[in-house]
Amino acid sequence: MKHSAVILLFGFLGCISPNQGPAHSAPPSPQLDTEKEAVAKLLNAFHDAASKADGDRYFNYFAPEGVFIGTDATERWTLEQFRTFCEPYFSKGKGWTYVPTERHVMVSSDGTTAWFDERLHNEKYGATRGSGVLIKSTGQWKLAHYVLSFPIPNAIAGEVIGMIREASQV
């Protein structure tokens, strides 16, 4: 299968609560700070499980309706599709290591939705980016949506887009 890079133009990520309109990061509060720490801890454990090829632990961090968006334009996977993709790797003890180098976590004022963006380092790909949304259900944070992308420097974006277009026509 031929893979090509995907450029994600990631602007504003808004979460809408039916009763509150757009959710915004509320003024700092001890409770929201605790929730942000819990989300960061989950993300660290999520990356750790992937690096150790621990599929059971890795997939436990997702909500049942979770979605994983990979770097290839064809990679939009439901949780079961992503599990099927990962299983051959994890079953052989092969995982992937993404080390967070910067992370921003926001939590809705009602403490039930969180969104994040993080810079990651991977030995093969170098600088990558993860972003996503978590929901809190029955007292636990779960990944509802995770996006892995390659940040493309603006200075070479035109050239990379040309390469993507060329590869897409093959």
N, C-alpha and C. Protein backbone atom coordinates (compact mmCIF):
# COMPACT_ATOMS: atom_id res chain seq x y z
N MET A 1 0.85 -1.17 0.00
CA MET A 1 0.00 0.00 0.00
C MET A 1 0.90 1.23 0.00
N LYS A 2 0.63 2.16 -0.86
CA LYS A 2 1.42 3.37 -0.96
C LYS A 2 0.88 4.41 0.01
N HIS A 3 1.75 5.00 0.80
CA HIS A 3 1.34 5.99 1.78
C HIS A 3 1.83 7.36 1.36
N SER A 4 1.05 8.36 1.64
CA SER A 4 1.47 9.73 1.40
C SER A 4 1.18 10.55 2.63
N ALA A 5 1.88 11.63 2.78
CA ALA A 5 1.68 12.50 3.93
C ALA A 5 0.36 13.24 3.79
N VAL A 6 -0.24 13.52 4.89
CA VAL A 6 -1.48 14.28 4.91
C VAL A 6 -1.20 15.58 5.63
N ILE A 7 -1.60 16.67 5.04
CA ILE A 7 -1.46 17.95 5.71
C ILE A 7 -2.79 18.27 6.33
N LEU A 8 -2.78 18.40 7.62
CA LEU A 8 -4.00 18.74 8.32
C LEU A 8 -3.97 20.22 8.64
N LEU A 9 -4.91 20.91 8.11
CA LEU A 9 -5.03 22.32 8.43
C LEU A 9 -5.89 22.40 9.66
N PHE A 10 -5.23 22.39 10.79
CA PHE A 10 -5.91 22.29 12.06
C PHE A 10 -6.05 23.69 12.64
N GLY A 11 -7.22 24.22 12.52
CA GLY A 11 -7.48 25.55 13.04
C GLY A 11 -8.10 25.46 14.41
N PHE A 12 -9.32 25.90 14.53
CA PHE A 12 -10.01 25.95 15.80
C PHE A 12 -10.73 24.65 16.04
N LEU A 13 -10.53 24.08 17.20
CA LEU A 13 -11.27 22.90 17.59
C LEU A 13 -12.30 23.34 18.60
N GLY A 14 -13.55 23.31 18.22
CA GLY A 14 -14.62 23.73 19.12
C GLY A 14 -15.45 22.55 19.53
N CYS A 15 -15.77 22.50 20.78
CA CYS A 15 -16.66 21.47 21.28
C CYS A 15 -17.93 22.17 21.73
N ILE A 16 -19.07 21.64 21.33
CA ILE A 16 -20.33 22.28 21.66
C ILE A 16 -21.11 21.40 22.59
N SER A 17 -21.50 21.97 23.68
CA SER A 17 -22.35 21.30 24.63
C SER A 17 -23.78 21.75 24.37
N PRO A 18 -24.77 20.86 24.40
CA PRO A 18 -26.13 21.24 24.05
C PRO A 18 -26.68 22.40 24.87
N ASN A 19 -26.23 22.53 26.09
CA ASN A 19 -26.79 23.57 26.95
C ASN A 19 -25.90 24.79 27.12
N GLN A 20 -24.68 24.71 26.65
CA GLN A 20 -23.75 25.78 26.96
C GLN A 20 -23.21 26.51 25.75
N GLY A 21 -23.50 26.09 24.54
CA GLY A 21 -22.86 26.70 23.38
C GLY A 21 -21.42 26.26 23.33
N PRO A 22 -20.57 27.01 22.65
CA PRO A 22 -19.16 26.59 22.53
C PRO A 22 -18.50 26.50 23.90
N ALA A 23 -17.79 25.43 24.12
CA ALA A 23 -17.06 25.26 25.37
C ALA A 23 -15.73 25.97 25.26
N HIS A 24 -15.38 26.70 26.27
CA HIS A 24 -14.10 27.40 26.29
C HIS A 24 -13.36 26.99 27.54
N SER A 25 -12.08 27.10 27.48
CA SER A 25 -11.29 26.81 28.65
C SER A 25 -11.66 27.82 29.73
N ALA A 26 -12.13 27.32 30.83
CA ALA A 26 -12.59 28.18 31.92
C ALA A 26 -11.40 28.76 32.67
N PRO A 27 -11.65 29.80 33.47
CA PRO A 27 -10.56 30.31 34.29
C PRO A 27 -9.99 29.18 35.15
N PRO A 28 -8.71 29.26 35.45
CA PRO A 28 -8.10 28.18 36.22
C PRO A 28 -8.88 27.90 37.50
N SER A 29 -9.07 26.65 37.79
CA SER A 29 -9.68 26.24 39.05
C SER A 29 -9.00 24.95 39.45
N PRO A 30 -8.95 24.68 40.74
CA PRO A 30 -8.30 23.45 41.18
C PRO A 30 -8.92 22.21 40.54
N GLN A 31 -10.26 22.18 40.37
CA GLN A 31 -10.91 21.02 39.78
C GLN A 31 -10.51 20.84 38.32
N LEU A 32 -10.54 21.94 37.54
CA LEU A 32 -10.17 21.82 36.13
C LEU A 32 -8.69 21.50 35.97
N ASP A 33 -7.85 22.05 36.86
CA ASP A 33 -6.42 21.70 36.82
C ASP A 33 -6.24 20.21 37.07
N THR A 34 -7.01 19.66 38.00
CA THR A 34 -6.94 18.23 38.29
C THR A 34 -7.36 17.42 37.06
N GLU A 35 -8.40 17.88 36.37
CA GLU A 35 -8.85 17.18 35.16
C GLU A 35 -7.79 17.26 34.05
N LYS A 36 -7.16 18.42 33.90
CA LYS A 36 -6.10 18.55 32.90
C LYS A 36 -4.95 17.59 33.20
N GLU A 37 -4.60 17.48 34.47
CA GLU A 37 -3.55 16.55 34.87
C GLU A 37 -3.95 15.11 34.58
N ALA A 38 -5.21 14.78 34.80
CA ALA A 38 -5.70 13.43 34.53
C ALA A 38 -5.63 13.12 33.03
N VAL A 39 -5.99 14.09 32.20
CA VAL A 39 -5.91 13.91 30.75
C VAL A 39 -4.46 13.73 30.32
N ALA A 40 -3.56 14.56 30.83
CA ALA A 40 -2.14 14.44 30.49
C ALA A 40 -1.60 13.07 30.91
N LYS A 41 -1.99 12.62 32.07
CA LYS A 41 -1.55 11.31 32.56
C LYS A 41 -2.07 10.20 31.63
N LEU A 42 -3.33 10.30 31.20
CA LEU A 42 -3.88 9.32 30.28
C LEU A 42 -3.11 9.32 28.96
N LEU A 43 -2.83 10.50 28.41
CA LEU A 43 -2.09 10.58 27.15
C LEU A 43 -0.70 9.98 27.28
N ASN A 44 -0.03 10.24 28.39
CA ASN A 44 1.30 9.64 28.61
C ASN A 44 1.20 8.12 28.66
N ALA A 45 0.18 7.60 29.35
CA ALA A 45 0.00 6.16 29.46
C ALA A 45 -0.38 5.55 28.10
N PHE A 46 -1.17 6.27 27.33
CA PHE A 46 -1.56 5.86 25.98
C PHE A 46 -0.32 5.68 25.10
N HIS A 47 0.56 6.67 25.11
CA HIS A 47 1.80 6.58 24.32
C HIS A 47 2.71 5.47 24.85
N ASP A 48 2.75 5.30 26.17
CA ASP A 48 3.56 4.24 26.77
C ASP A 48 3.06 2.87 26.34
N ALA A 49 1.74 2.67 26.35
CA ALA A 49 1.17 1.37 25.94
C ALA A 49 1.53 1.07 24.49
N ALA A 50 1.47 2.08 23.62
CA ALA A 50 1.83 1.86 22.21
C ALA A 50 3.30 1.48 22.08
N SER A 51 4.16 2.14 22.84
CA SER A 51 5.60 1.85 22.73
C SER A 51 5.93 0.45 23.24
N LYS A 52 5.09 -0.09 24.12
CA LYS A 52 5.31 -1.43 24.66
C LYS A 52 4.46 -2.49 23.96
N ALA A 53 3.77 -2.09 22.89
CA ALA A 53 2.91 -3.00 22.12
C ALA A 53 1.88 -3.68 23.02
N ASP A 54 1.38 -2.95 24.00
CA ASP A 54 0.38 -3.47 24.94
C ASP A 54 -1.01 -3.10 24.42
N GLY A 55 -1.51 -3.91 23.51
CA GLY A 55 -2.77 -3.63 22.85
C GLY A 55 -3.95 -3.52 23.79
N ASP A 56 -4.05 -4.40 24.76
CA ASP A 56 -5.19 -4.34 25.68
C ASP A 56 -5.22 -3.00 26.41
N ARG A 57 -4.08 -2.59 26.93
CA ARG A 57 -4.02 -1.31 27.65
C ARG A 57 -4.24 -0.15 26.70
N TYR A 58 -3.62 -0.19 25.52
CA TYR A 58 -3.72 0.88 24.54
C TYR A 58 -5.17 1.14 24.15
N PHE A 59 -5.89 0.09 23.80
CA PHE A 59 -7.26 0.28 23.34
C PHE A 59 -8.23 0.58 24.46
N ASN A 60 -7.85 0.29 25.69
CA ASN A 60 -8.69 0.63 26.83
C ASN A 60 -8.80 2.14 27.04
N TYR A 61 -7.87 2.91 26.47
CA TYR A 61 -7.92 4.37 26.61
C TYR A 61 -8.93 5.02 25.66
N PHE A 62 -9.46 4.25 24.72
CA PHE A 62 -10.44 4.78 23.77
C PHE A 62 -11.86 4.58 24.26
N ALA A 63 -12.72 5.53 23.91
CA ALA A 63 -14.16 5.35 24.09
C ALA A 63 -14.63 4.30 23.07
N PRO A 64 -15.71 3.58 23.36
CA PRO A 64 -16.18 2.56 22.42
C PRO A 64 -16.43 3.12 21.01
N GLU A 65 -16.85 4.37 20.90
CA GLU A 65 -17.09 4.98 19.59
C GLU A 65 -15.88 5.75 19.09
N GLY A 66 -14.72 5.49 19.68
CA GLY A 66 -13.50 6.21 19.33
C GLY A 66 -13.09 6.06 17.87
N VAL A 67 -12.40 7.10 17.39
CA VAL A 67 -11.90 7.15 16.02
C VAL A 67 -10.43 7.54 16.06
N PHE A 68 -9.64 6.90 15.20
CA PHE A 68 -8.23 7.25 15.05
C PHE A 68 -8.01 7.70 13.61
N ILE A 69 -7.45 8.90 13.47
CA ILE A 69 -7.12 9.45 12.16
C ILE A 69 -5.60 9.38 12.02
N GLY A 70 -5.14 8.59 11.06
CA GLY A 70 -3.70 8.44 10.83
C GLY A 70 -3.17 9.45 9.85
N THR A 71 -1.92 9.29 9.49
CA THR A 71 -1.25 10.27 8.63
C THR A 71 -1.58 10.11 7.15
N ASP A 72 -2.02 8.95 6.74
CA ASP A 72 -2.39 8.73 5.34
C ASP A 72 -3.84 9.17 5.14
N ALA A 73 -4.14 9.70 3.96
CA ALA A 73 -5.49 10.20 3.67
C ALA A 73 -6.56 9.12 3.81
N THR A 74 -6.18 7.86 3.71
CA THR A 74 -7.15 6.76 3.83
C THR A 74 -7.36 6.29 5.26
N GLU A 75 -6.60 6.82 6.19
CA GLU A 75 -6.61 6.30 7.56
C GLU A 75 -7.58 7.04 8.48
N ARG A 76 -8.83 6.68 8.37
CA ARG A 76 -9.86 7.09 9.34
C ARG A 76 -10.50 5.80 9.83
N TRP A 77 -10.11 5.43 11.04
CA TRP A 77 -10.48 4.13 11.56
C TRP A 77 -11.40 4.22 12.77
N THR A 78 -12.44 3.39 12.78
CA THR A 78 -13.20 3.18 14.00
C THR A 78 -12.29 2.41 14.94
N LEU A 79 -12.70 2.28 16.16
CA LEU A 79 -11.88 1.56 17.13
C LEU A 79 -11.62 0.13 16.68
N GLU A 80 -12.64 -0.56 16.21
CA GLU A 80 -12.44 -1.95 15.76
C GLU A 80 -11.55 -2.04 14.53
N GLN A 81 -11.70 -1.12 13.59
CA GLN A 81 -10.83 -1.10 12.42
C GLN A 81 -9.38 -0.85 12.82
N PHE A 82 -9.18 0.07 13.75
CA PHE A 82 -7.83 0.39 14.19
C PHE A 82 -7.22 -0.78 14.95
N ARG A 83 -8.03 -1.44 15.76
CA ARG A 83 -7.55 -2.62 16.49
C ARG A 83 -7.10 -3.70 15.50
N THR A 84 -7.87 -3.90 14.44
CA THR A 84 -7.53 -4.89 13.41
C THR A 84 -6.21 -4.52 12.73
N PHE A 85 -6.03 -3.23 12.46
CA PHE A 85 -4.77 -2.77 11.85
C PHE A 85 -3.58 -3.01 12.79
N CYS A 86 -3.74 -2.70 14.07
CA CYS A 86 -2.64 -2.75 15.04
C CYS A 86 -2.29 -4.16 15.49
N GLU A 87 -3.26 -5.05 15.53
CA GLU A 87 -3.06 -6.38 16.09
C GLU A 87 -1.85 -7.13 15.53
N PRO A 88 -1.63 -7.16 14.22
CA PRO A 88 -0.44 -7.88 13.72
C PRO A 88 0.87 -7.32 14.27
N TYR A 89 0.94 -6.03 14.49
CA TYR A 89 2.15 -5.41 15.04
C TYR A 89 2.28 -5.75 16.53
N PHE A 90 1.22 -5.47 17.28
CA PHE A 90 1.26 -5.69 18.72
C PHE A 90 1.49 -7.18 19.05
N SER A 91 0.91 -8.08 18.28
CA SER A 91 1.05 -9.50 18.57
C SER A 91 2.50 -9.97 18.40
N LYS A 92 3.29 -9.23 17.62
CA LYS A 92 4.72 -9.54 17.45
C LYS A 92 5.59 -8.71 18.37
N GLY A 93 4.96 -7.96 19.28
CA GLY A 93 5.73 -7.13 20.21
C GLY A 93 6.25 -5.85 19.60
N LYS A 94 5.70 -5.48 18.44
CA LYS A 94 6.15 -4.27 17.76
C LYS A 94 5.17 -3.14 18.02
N GLY A 95 5.65 -2.12 18.67
CA GLY A 95 4.84 -0.94 18.92
C GLY A 95 5.46 0.26 18.24
N TRP A 96 5.05 1.42 18.65
CA TRP A 96 5.61 2.66 18.11
C TRP A 96 5.74 3.64 19.25
N THR A 97 6.80 4.41 19.20
CA THR A 97 7.10 5.33 20.29
C THR A 97 6.99 6.77 19.81
N TYR A 98 6.08 7.49 20.44
CA TYR A 98 5.91 8.92 20.22
C TYR A 98 6.10 9.57 21.59
N VAL A 99 7.10 10.43 21.68
CA VAL A 99 7.43 11.07 22.95
C VAL A 99 6.91 12.51 22.93
N PRO A 100 6.04 12.84 23.86
CA PRO A 100 5.53 14.22 23.90
C PRO A 100 6.64 15.21 24.26
N THR A 101 6.72 16.30 23.51
CA THR A 101 7.68 17.36 23.80
C THR A 101 6.98 18.66 24.20
N GLU A 102 5.71 18.76 23.89
CA GLU A 102 4.90 19.93 24.26
C GLU A 102 3.45 19.50 24.21
N ARG A 103 2.66 19.96 25.18
CA ARG A 103 1.24 19.57 25.18
C ARG A 103 0.40 20.70 25.74
N HIS A 104 -0.78 20.86 25.16
CA HIS A 104 -1.77 21.83 25.63
C HIS A 104 -3.08 21.08 25.82
N VAL A 105 -3.64 21.17 27.01
CA VAL A 105 -4.90 20.50 27.33
C VAL A 105 -5.90 21.54 27.78
N MET A 106 -7.08 21.47 27.24
CA MET A 106 -8.18 22.34 27.64
C MET A 106 -9.33 21.45 28.10
N VAL A 107 -10.08 21.93 29.08
CA VAL A 107 -11.21 21.18 29.61
C VAL A 107 -12.42 22.09 29.63
N SER A 108 -13.57 21.56 29.22
CA SER A 108 -14.81 22.35 29.24
C SER A 108 -15.16 22.72 30.67
N SER A 109 -15.91 23.78 30.81
CA SER A 109 -16.23 24.28 32.15
C SER A 109 -17.02 23.27 32.97
N ASP A 110 -17.76 22.36 32.32
CA ASP A 110 -18.49 21.35 33.08
C ASP A 110 -17.64 20.10 33.36
N GLY A 111 -16.40 20.08 32.88
CA GLY A 111 -15.47 19.00 33.19
C GLY A 111 -15.76 17.67 32.52
N THR A 112 -16.55 17.67 31.44
CA THR A 112 -16.89 16.40 30.78
C THR A 112 -16.25 16.22 29.41
N THR A 113 -15.64 17.27 28.89
CA THR A 113 -15.01 17.21 27.57
C THR A 113 -13.64 17.86 27.67
N ALA A 114 -12.66 17.24 27.04
CA ALA A 114 -11.32 17.82 26.99
C ALA A 114 -10.82 17.71 25.56
N TRP A 115 -9.98 18.64 25.18
CA TRP A 115 -9.34 18.59 23.88
C TRP A 115 -7.89 18.99 24.07
N PHE A 116 -7.05 18.52 23.17
CA PHE A 116 -5.62 18.72 23.35
C PHE A 116 -4.93 18.79 22.00
N ASP A 117 -3.73 19.33 22.04
CA ASP A 117 -2.80 19.22 20.93
C ASP A 117 -1.44 19.01 21.55
N GLU A 118 -0.63 18.21 20.89
CA GLU A 118 0.69 17.90 21.43
C GLU A 118 1.70 17.73 20.31
N ARG A 119 2.89 18.20 20.59
CA ARG A 119 4.01 17.93 19.70
C ARG A 119 4.63 16.64 20.19
N LEU A 120 4.99 15.80 19.23
CA LEU A 120 5.55 14.50 19.56
C LEU A 120 6.84 14.30 18.77
N HIS A 121 7.71 13.48 19.31
CA HIS A 121 8.92 13.09 18.57
C HIS A 121 8.87 11.58 18.36
N ASN A 122 9.15 11.17 17.12
CA ASN A 122 9.21 9.77 16.75
C ASN A 122 10.54 9.57 16.04
N GLU A 123 11.23 8.49 16.39
CA GLU A 123 12.56 8.26 15.81
C GLU A 123 12.54 8.20 14.28
N LYS A 124 11.53 7.56 13.70
CA LYS A 124 11.45 7.42 12.25
C LYS A 124 10.99 8.70 11.56
N TYR A 125 9.95 9.33 12.10
CA TYR A 125 9.33 10.48 11.44
C TYR A 125 9.80 11.84 11.95
N GLY A 126 10.47 11.86 13.07
CA GLY A 126 10.88 13.14 13.65
C GLY A 126 9.71 13.84 14.31
N ALA A 127 9.52 15.11 13.99
CA ALA A 127 8.45 15.91 14.61
C ALA A 127 7.10 15.49 14.05
N THR A 128 6.19 15.16 14.94
CA THR A 128 4.81 14.84 14.57
C THR A 128 3.90 15.61 15.51
N ARG A 129 2.61 15.51 15.26
CA ARG A 129 1.65 16.20 16.10
C ARG A 129 0.47 15.27 16.37
N GLY A 130 0.00 15.29 17.59
CA GLY A 130 -1.21 14.58 17.96
C GLY A 130 -2.23 15.59 18.45
N SER A 131 -3.48 15.35 18.15
CA SER A 131 -4.54 16.20 18.67
C SER A 131 -5.78 15.35 18.81
N GLY A 132 -6.69 15.79 19.65
CA GLY A 132 -7.88 14.99 19.82
C GLY A 132 -8.83 15.51 20.86
N VAL A 133 -9.83 14.69 21.10
CA VAL A 133 -10.92 15.01 22.03
C VAL A 133 -11.12 13.82 22.96
N LEU A 134 -11.34 14.11 24.22
CA LEU A 134 -11.67 13.09 25.20
C LEU A 134 -13.02 13.41 25.82
N ILE A 135 -13.72 12.37 26.23
CA ILE A 135 -14.97 12.55 26.95
C ILE A 135 -14.84 11.85 28.30
N LYS A 136 -15.55 12.39 29.28
CA LYS A 136 -15.53 11.77 30.60
C LYS A 136 -16.87 11.08 30.80
N SER A 137 -16.79 9.79 30.99
CA SER A 137 -17.99 9.00 31.17
C SER A 137 -17.76 8.07 32.35
N THR A 138 -18.73 7.97 33.21
CA THR A 138 -18.63 7.17 34.44
C THR A 138 -17.32 7.43 35.19
N GLY A 139 -16.94 8.71 35.22
CA GLY A 139 -15.77 9.13 35.99
C GLY A 139 -14.43 8.89 35.34
N GLN A 140 -14.40 8.40 34.09
CA GLN A 140 -13.13 8.11 33.43
C GLN A 140 -13.02 8.87 32.12
N TRP A 141 -11.82 9.37 31.85
CA TRP A 141 -11.54 10.00 30.56
C TRP A 141 -11.28 8.93 29.53
N LYS A 142 -11.85 9.12 28.32
CA LYS A 142 -11.63 8.20 27.21
C LYS A 142 -11.41 9.01 25.94
N LEU A 143 -10.51 8.52 25.09
CA LEU A 143 -10.26 9.16 23.80
C LEU A 143 -11.43 8.89 22.86
N ALA A 144 -12.05 9.95 22.40
CA ALA A 144 -13.13 9.82 21.42
C ALA A 144 -12.61 10.04 20.01
N HIS A 145 -11.52 10.80 19.90
CA HIS A 145 -11.01 11.19 18.59
C HIS A 145 -9.52 11.50 18.74
N TYR A 146 -8.69 10.81 17.98
CA TYR A 146 -7.25 11.08 18.01
C TYR A 146 -6.76 11.26 16.58
N VAL A 147 -5.97 12.31 16.36
CA VAL A 147 -5.42 12.62 15.04
C VAL A 147 -3.90 12.67 15.15
N LEU A 148 -3.23 11.89 14.33
CA LEU A 148 -1.77 11.95 14.23
C LEU A 148 -1.43 12.60 12.90
N SER A 149 -0.57 13.61 12.92
CA SER A 149 -0.25 14.32 11.68
C SER A 149 1.23 14.69 11.64
N PHE A 150 1.65 15.07 10.44
CA PHE A 150 3.01 15.57 10.23
C PHE A 150 2.93 17.07 10.04
N PRO A 151 3.56 17.86 10.89
CA PRO A 151 3.57 19.30 10.65
C PRO A 151 4.54 19.61 9.50
N ILE A 152 4.06 20.37 8.54
CA ILE A 152 4.85 20.71 7.37
C ILE A 152 5.26 22.18 7.47
N PRO A 153 6.56 22.48 7.47
CA PRO A 153 6.97 23.89 7.52
C PRO A 153 6.39 24.66 6.33
N ASN A 154 5.89 25.85 6.59
CA ASN A 154 5.30 26.66 5.52
C ASN A 154 6.25 26.87 4.35
N ALA A 155 7.54 26.96 4.62
CA ALA A 155 8.52 27.22 3.56
C ALA A 155 8.56 26.11 2.51
N ILE A 156 8.15 24.91 2.86
CA ILE A 156 8.17 23.81 1.88
C ILE A 156 6.78 23.24 1.62
N ALA A 157 5.75 23.87 2.15
CA ALA A 157 4.39 23.35 2.00
C ALA A 157 3.99 23.18 0.54
N GLY A 158 4.28 24.16 -0.30
CA GLY A 158 3.92 24.07 -1.72
C GLY A 158 4.55 22.86 -2.38
N GLU A 159 5.82 22.63 -2.10
CA GLU A 159 6.53 21.48 -2.67
C GLU A 159 5.92 20.17 -2.19
N VAL A 160 5.62 20.09 -0.89
CA VAL A 160 5.04 18.87 -0.33
C VAL A 160 3.65 18.63 -0.90
N ILE A 161 2.86 19.68 -1.01
CA ILE A 161 1.52 19.54 -1.60
C ILE A 161 1.62 19.03 -3.03
N GLY A 162 2.59 19.52 -3.78
CA GLY A 162 2.81 19.03 -5.13
C GLY A 162 3.14 17.55 -5.14
N MET A 163 3.97 17.12 -4.21
CA MET A 163 4.32 15.70 -4.12
C MET A 163 3.09 14.86 -3.77
N ILE A 164 2.26 15.37 -2.87
CA ILE A 164 1.04 14.64 -2.50
C ILE A 164 0.10 14.53 -3.70
N ARG A 165 -0.07 15.62 -4.41
CA ARG A 165 -0.93 15.59 -5.60
C ARG A 165 -0.41 14.59 -6.63
N GLU A 166 0.89 14.59 -6.83
CA GLU A 166 1.49 13.68 -7.80
C GLU A 166 1.29 12.23 -7.37
N ALA A 167 1.50 11.95 -6.09
CA ALA A 167 1.32 10.58 -5.58
C ALA A 167 -0.14 10.15 -5.64
N SER A 168 -1.05 11.09 -5.49
CA SER A 168 -2.48 10.77 -5.50
C SER A 168 -2.97 10.41 -6.88
N GLN A 169 -2.27 10.85 -7.89
CA GLN A 169 -2.68 10.58 -9.27
C GLN A 169 -2.16 9.24 -9.78
N VAL A 170 -1.30 8.61 -9.01
CA VAL A 170 -0.71 7.34 -9.44
C VAL A 170 -1.72 6.22 -9.28
